[in-house]
Structure formats: C-alpha cells, structure tokens
Amino acid sequence: MNEHTRRDAELPPLTEHVDTDALDALFGCDTPGAPRVSGASLEFDYADLVVTVESVGRIEVRDAGR
C-alpha cells in the first residue's frame, strides 16, 4: 500500500473499530483520573491496517500485510 494514494474518505470511521474514549482514558494526558501508564502500547486492526498507540504518544499505522 502506498500511503500517499489512500484517501481518508475511503476508511471507515475509527469509532467502529476502537473505543476512542477508552484510548483517551488510558493514554490521554488531559484526562482527569487517567492511569499513569508508562511503557505500554495498544494494537488494533483498522480496515486493512494495524494501528499501534504507545503511552509515550507515538501512533504508528501500517499495512496489515507487513
């Protein structure tokens, strides 16, 4: 997959694949009462992609075939 050829409109809504409020609760620094998680990551499938969210704020999106 060429990351420059995919259009956002071609992807289904992210909320159909992951609870974005839960992501904010786990990794959001502005969420009151959020756990202070360090060195953690969460990985989930999104369309034909794999998304990795790390507690340090890094988000990686890659082709599921890799």
Protein backbone atom coordinates (compact mmCIF):
# COMPACT_ATOMS: atom_id res chain seq x y z
CA MET A 1 0.00 0.00 0.00
CA ASN A 2 1.26 3.43 -0.85
CA GLU A 3 0.40 5.82 2.00
CA HIS A 4 0.12 8.66 -0.50
CA THR A 5 -2.69 7.08 -2.51
CA ARG A 6 -5.22 6.31 0.26
CA ARG A 7 -7.87 8.91 0.97
CA ASP A 8 -9.35 9.41 4.43
CA ALA A 9 -12.85 9.16 2.95
CA GLU A 10 -12.07 5.58 1.91
CA LEU A 11 -11.59 4.48 5.53
CA PRO A 12 -14.49 3.55 7.82
CA PRO A 13 -14.98 5.67 10.96
CA LEU A 14 -12.34 4.84 13.57
CA THR A 15 -15.05 4.59 16.22
CA GLU A 16 -16.33 1.41 14.52
CA HIS A 17 -13.07 -0.35 15.45
CA VAL A 18 -11.96 1.07 18.78
CA ASP A 19 -13.45 2.92 21.73
CA THR A 20 -11.75 6.29 21.38
CA ASP A 21 -12.93 7.37 24.85
CA ALA A 22 -11.15 4.33 26.30
CA LEU A 23 -7.97 5.29 24.41
CA ASP A 24 -8.18 8.78 25.90
CA ALA A 25 -8.74 7.32 29.37
CA LEU A 26 -5.67 5.07 29.06
CA PHE A 27 -3.26 7.31 27.20
CA GLY A 28 -4.69 10.83 27.32
CA CYS A 29 -2.62 13.18 29.44
CA ASP A 30 -5.52 15.65 29.84
CA THR A 31 -7.98 13.09 31.17
CA PRO A 32 -8.67 13.58 34.91
CA GLY A 33 -8.02 10.38 36.82
CA ALA A 34 -6.32 8.72 33.86
CA PRO A 35 -3.89 5.99 34.86
CA ARG A 36 -0.25 6.89 34.56
CA VAL A 37 0.72 4.12 32.19
CA SER A 38 4.32 4.02 31.03
CA GLY A 39 5.92 1.66 28.57
CA ALA A 40 2.53 0.39 27.40
CA SER A 41 1.06 0.04 23.94
CA LEU A 42 -2.21 -0.99 22.37
CA GLU A 43 -2.53 -2.50 18.92
CA PHE A 44 -5.72 -2.99 16.92
CA ASP A 45 -6.87 -3.70 13.37
CA TYR A 46 -8.44 -0.86 11.40
CA ALA A 47 -9.70 -1.64 7.90
CA ASP A 48 -6.68 -3.31 6.24
CA LEU A 49 -4.28 -1.52 8.59
CA VAL A 50 -2.76 -2.15 12.01
CA VAL A 51 -2.65 0.78 14.42
CA THR A 52 -0.29 0.87 17.41
CA VAL A 53 -0.76 3.52 20.10
CA GLU A 54 2.02 3.91 22.66
CA SER A 55 1.81 5.55 26.07
CA VAL A 56 4.56 7.99 25.06
CA GLY A 57 2.24 9.50 22.44
CA ARG A 58 3.54 7.70 19.37
CA ILE A 59 0.96 6.36 16.91
CA GLU A 60 2.01 4.01 14.13
CA VAL A 61 -0.23 2.99 11.24
CA ARG A 62 0.96 0.24 8.94
CA ASP A 63 -0.33 -2.14 6.31
CA ALA A 64 -1.71 -5.30 7.94
CA GLY A 65 0.26 -7.40 5.46
CA ARG A 66 3.62 -6.26 6.87
